[in-house]
Amino acid sequence: MITIRLSRPSDLPALFAIWQGAVRATHLFLTEQDIAFYAQQVRDHYLPSCPFWVATGRNDQPRGFLGMTDSKIDALFIDPAHHGQGIGRALVDHAASLSRSLTVDVNEQNEGACGFYKKLGFRQVGRSELDDSGKPFPILHLERP
């Protein structure tokens, strides 16, 4: 059973571990230097500064999380040990319950994420050559009306 709740400060170490595990499992195009660069930003700035929707299992243990600003999904990461168990879909469904339409940016080279969002009805509406940090990792802009 999946429960979705708001994040708490005590979740931060688990959320960072989920982020790191998910990135290593799905962002195979990143080097160790790239991962270290993003990890510092995620751990020190992003995770502590935003509330997240956390999907938990038994014992309230986080299995994935979603960050959202208005109708934009800013982050969706699932513990790789729980990939394919409906957690990502449950979090996107929760996001859809909060906003009529949804948008998300996804790394073009993350084929698993691109396929996931396509299965959920998202379609490409744009593309950027660089990511938000100015690095050469193309970003697809998706929306689901």
Protein backbone atom coordinates (compact mmCIF):
# COMPACT_ATOMS: atom_id res chain seq x y z
CA MET A 1 0.00 0.00 0.00
CA ILE A 2 1.25 3.45 -0.94
CA THR A 3 0.56 6.48 1.23
CA ILE A 4 1.34 10.00 0.03
CA ARG A 5 2.12 12.73 2.55
CA LEU A 6 4.06 15.97 2.77
CA SER A 7 7.75 15.73 3.54
CA ARG A 8 9.20 16.40 6.97
CA PRO A 9 12.71 17.63 7.83
CA SER A 10 13.51 14.14 9.15
CA ASP A 11 12.92 12.76 5.61
CA LEU A 12 15.84 14.66 4.07
CA PRO A 13 18.49 11.91 4.39
CA ALA A 14 16.09 9.32 2.91
CA LEU A 15 15.05 11.65 0.09
CA PHE A 16 18.67 12.35 -0.80
CA ALA A 17 19.41 8.61 -0.79
CA ILE A 18 16.42 8.04 -3.10
CA TRP A 19 17.59 10.83 -5.40
CA GLN A 20 21.12 9.45 -5.54
CA GLY A 21 20.01 5.86 -6.14
CA ALA A 22 17.50 6.87 -8.80
CA VAL A 23 20.01 9.07 -10.63
CA ARG A 24 22.61 6.30 -10.65
CA ALA A 25 20.00 3.83 -11.96
CA THR A 26 18.47 6.03 -14.65
CA HIS A 27 20.89 8.80 -15.65
CA LEU A 28 23.54 6.59 -17.21
CA PHE A 29 24.77 9.48 -19.36
CA LEU A 30 26.13 11.35 -16.30
CA THR A 31 29.73 11.03 -15.20
CA GLU A 32 30.75 10.75 -11.54
CA GLN A 33 31.76 14.42 -11.70
CA ASP A 34 28.31 15.35 -13.02
CA ILE A 35 26.60 13.38 -10.25
CA ALA A 36 28.79 15.03 -7.60
CA PHE A 37 27.97 18.47 -9.03
CA TYR A 38 24.20 17.88 -8.93
CA ALA A 39 24.33 16.01 -5.60
CA GLN A 40 25.76 19.02 -3.82
CA GLN A 41 23.00 21.26 -5.19
CA VAL A 42 20.23 18.74 -4.37
CA ARG A 43 21.50 17.91 -0.86
CA ASP A 44 22.45 21.41 0.27
CA HIS A 45 19.93 23.63 -1.50
CA TYR A 46 17.00 21.94 -3.23
CA LEU A 47 15.86 19.31 -0.73
CA PRO A 48 16.02 21.55 2.37
CA SER A 49 14.23 24.45 0.69
CA CYS A 50 11.09 22.81 -0.72
CA PRO A 51 8.18 20.73 0.49
CA PHE A 52 7.76 17.43 -1.35
CA TRP A 53 5.05 14.86 -1.72
CA VAL A 54 6.49 11.63 -0.34
CA ALA A 55 5.23 8.17 -1.21
CA THR A 56 5.71 5.84 1.73
CA GLY A 57 5.27 2.17 2.33
CA ARG A 58 5.08 0.23 5.54
CA ASN A 59 6.54 1.91 8.60
CA ASP A 60 6.19 5.30 6.85
CA GLN A 61 9.49 4.68 5.00
CA PRO A 62 9.90 6.97 1.94
CA ARG A 63 9.99 5.10 -1.38
CA GLY A 64 9.79 8.07 -3.71
CA PHE A 65 9.06 11.78 -3.83
CA LEU A 66 7.66 14.46 -6.09
CA GLY A 67 8.39 18.18 -6.07
CA MET A 68 5.92 20.54 -7.67
CA THR A 69 5.60 24.28 -8.35
CA ASP A 70 2.09 25.24 -9.43
CA SER A 71 1.34 22.82 -12.29
CA LYS A 72 4.98 21.89 -12.99
CA ILE A 73 6.50 18.68 -11.71
CA ASP A 74 9.99 19.80 -10.69
CA ALA A 75 11.25 16.44 -9.48
CA LEU A 76 10.10 12.83 -9.42
CA PHE A 77 12.44 10.21 -8.01
CA ILE A 78 11.66 6.66 -6.95
CA ASP A 79 13.91 4.32 -4.98
CA PRO A 80 15.24 1.91 -7.64
CA ALA A 81 14.32 -1.04 -5.40
CA HIS A 82 10.68 0.02 -5.91
CA HIS A 83 10.70 0.87 -9.63
CA GLY A 84 7.77 -0.62 -11.52
CA GLN A 85 5.50 -0.84 -8.45
CA GLY A 86 3.17 2.05 -9.31
CA ILE A 87 4.78 4.62 -7.00
CA GLY A 88 5.66 7.08 -9.77
CA ARG A 89 2.18 6.78 -11.25
CA ALA A 90 0.61 7.33 -7.81
CA LEU A 91 2.67 10.49 -7.29
CA VAL A 92 1.79 11.85 -10.76
CA ASP A 93 -1.88 11.04 -10.12
CA HIS A 94 -1.59 12.97 -6.85
CA ALA A 95 -0.04 15.91 -8.71
CA ALA A 96 -2.91 15.77 -11.22
CA SER A 97 -5.38 15.99 -8.35
CA LEU A 98 -3.78 19.32 -7.40
CA SER A 99 -3.59 20.87 -10.87
CA ARG A 100 -5.78 20.49 -13.95
CA SER A 101 -2.86 20.28 -16.37
CA LEU A 102 0.72 19.23 -15.70
CA THR A 103 4.10 20.03 -17.20
CA VAL A 104 7.48 18.42 -16.63
CA ASP A 105 11.00 18.72 -17.99
CA VAL A 106 12.90 15.48 -18.50
CA ASN A 107 16.41 14.65 -19.67
CA GLU A 108 16.16 13.48 -23.26
CA GLN A 109 18.81 10.82 -22.55
CA ASN A 110 16.73 9.33 -19.69
CA GLU A 111 14.78 6.97 -21.93
CA GLY A 112 12.99 5.31 -19.03
CA ALA A 113 11.56 8.61 -17.77
CA CYS A 114 10.59 9.69 -21.30
CA GLY A 115 8.69 6.43 -21.79
CA PHE A 116 7.08 6.69 -18.35
CA TYR A 117 5.68 10.15 -19.00
CA LYS A 118 4.54 9.18 -22.52
CA LYS A 119 2.57 6.25 -21.04
CA LEU A 120 0.91 8.71 -18.65
CA GLY A 121 -0.29 10.90 -21.52
CA PHE A 122 2.40 13.58 -21.61
CA ARG A 123 3.46 14.95 -24.99
CA GLN A 124 6.50 16.92 -26.05
CA VAL A 125 5.94 20.64 -26.52
CA GLY A 126 9.55 21.83 -26.65
CA ARG A 127 13.23 20.98 -26.30
CA SER A 128 16.27 22.77 -24.87
CA GLU A 129 19.85 21.89 -25.75
CA LEU A 130 21.11 22.68 -22.24
CA ASP A 131 19.80 21.82 -18.78
CA ASP A 132 19.03 24.45 -16.13
CA SER A 133 22.69 24.46 -15.05
CA GLY A 134 23.88 25.20 -18.59
CA LYS A 135 25.25 21.69 -19.06
CA PRO A 136 24.89 19.93 -22.46
CA PHE A 137 22.14 17.51 -21.40
CA PRO A 138 19.11 18.17 -23.65
CA ILE A 139 15.80 18.67 -21.89
CA LEU A 140 12.40 17.74 -23.29
CA HIS A 141 9.50 19.93 -22.19
CA LEU A 142 6.36 17.82 -21.77
CA GLU A 143 2.77 18.60 -20.89
CA ARG A 144 -0.39 16.71 -20.11
CA PRO A 145 -3.52 18.79 -20.66
